[in-house]
Amino acid sequence: MAKAAQRIHIPSLDPKFVRDRNLNGNWLVERFNENISLLDKLAGNLPRSLPWRQRTVEQFKAEVDQLLARDRPLAA
């Protein structure tokens, strides 16, 4: 796949730094570095340009309604 034109790389944090800030033992925080690494790999596989479109709330709802009417819930 094509590489993203400009990638932002988020470095891993020191495990002790993460642990010291995870006083409640939140599993998501515990896996901070793993999650960042996975997101970084995903970012490396994004195409150079994405077809971003701007829509109003009304336009977005209408688009979702059309997709659902065509039995395309995943696309919606």
Protein backbone atom coordinates (compact mmCIF):
# COMPACT_ATOMS: atom_id res chain seq x y z
CA MET A 1 0.00 0.00 0.00
CA ALA A 2 1.03 3.60 -0.50
CA LYS A 3 2.68 5.39 2.36
CA ALA A 4 1.13 8.50 3.86
CA ALA A 5 2.70 11.69 2.54
CA GLN A 6 3.49 13.07 5.98
CA ARG A 7 3.37 10.77 8.95
CA ILE A 8 3.40 11.81 12.55
CA HIS A 9 5.30 9.30 14.64
CA ILE A 10 4.42 9.13 18.32
CA PRO A 11 7.29 7.62 20.30
CA SER A 12 6.74 5.04 23.01
CA LEU A 13 6.62 6.27 26.57
CA ASP A 14 8.70 4.85 29.37
CA PRO A 15 6.66 1.96 30.89
CA LYS A 16 7.22 3.31 34.41
CA PHE A 17 5.94 6.72 33.34
CA VAL A 18 2.74 5.10 32.01
CA ARG A 19 2.36 2.84 35.08
CA ASP A 20 2.77 5.79 37.49
CA ARG A 21 -0.10 7.60 35.76
CA ASN A 22 -2.42 4.61 35.67
CA LEU A 23 -3.51 4.58 39.29
CA ASN A 24 -6.84 2.91 38.50
CA GLY A 25 -5.27 0.07 36.51
CA ASN A 26 -7.11 0.97 33.30
CA TRP A 27 -6.30 -1.72 30.71
CA LEU A 28 -6.28 0.80 27.88
CA VAL A 29 -3.66 2.93 29.61
CA GLU A 30 -1.64 -0.20 30.45
CA ARG A 31 -1.43 -0.92 26.74
CA PHE A 32 -0.65 2.66 25.72
CA ASN A 33 2.58 1.83 23.92
CA GLU A 34 1.06 -1.19 22.17
CA ASN A 35 -1.92 0.89 21.00
CA ILE A 36 0.28 3.72 19.76
CA SER A 37 2.42 1.20 17.87
CA LEU A 38 -0.66 -0.28 16.18
CA LEU A 39 -1.94 3.17 15.23
CA ASP A 40 1.49 4.04 13.84
CA LYS A 41 1.40 0.91 11.64
CA LEU A 42 -2.09 1.84 10.47
CA ALA A 43 -0.95 5.36 9.62
CA GLY A 44 1.86 3.87 7.53
CA ASN A 45 -0.71 2.11 5.35
CA LEU A 46 -2.98 5.07 4.67
CA PRO A 47 -3.08 6.31 1.09
CA ARG A 48 -1.40 9.61 0.25
CA SER A 49 -4.77 11.31 0.01
CA LEU A 50 -8.12 10.39 1.44
CA PRO A 51 -11.46 11.39 -0.05
CA TRP A 52 -12.54 13.64 2.82
CA ARG A 53 -15.84 15.34 2.27
CA GLN A 54 -17.48 18.05 4.31
CA ARG A 55 -21.19 17.75 5.02
CA THR A 56 -23.72 19.41 7.21
CA VAL A 57 -25.51 17.32 9.82
CA GLU A 58 -28.55 17.21 7.57
CA GLN A 59 -26.49 16.04 4.57
CA PHE A 60 -24.81 13.37 6.66
CA LYS A 61 -28.15 12.08 7.98
CA ALA A 62 -29.58 12.01 4.45
CA GLU A 63 -26.57 10.02 3.20
CA VAL A 64 -26.91 7.51 6.04
CA ASP A 65 -30.66 7.19 5.39
CA GLN A 66 -29.99 6.46 1.70
CA LEU A 67 -27.42 3.79 2.55
CA LEU A 68 -29.77 2.16 5.03
CA ALA A 69 -32.60 2.24 2.50
CA ARG A 70 -30.33 0.35 0.10
CA ASP A 71 -29.64 -2.24 2.83
CA ARG A 72 -26.03 -1.11 3.33
CA PRO A 73 -25.75 -0.71 7.11
CA LEU A 74 -21.98 -1.20 7.18
CA ALA A 75 -21.47 1.55 4.62
CA ALA A 76 -23.74 3.76 6.71
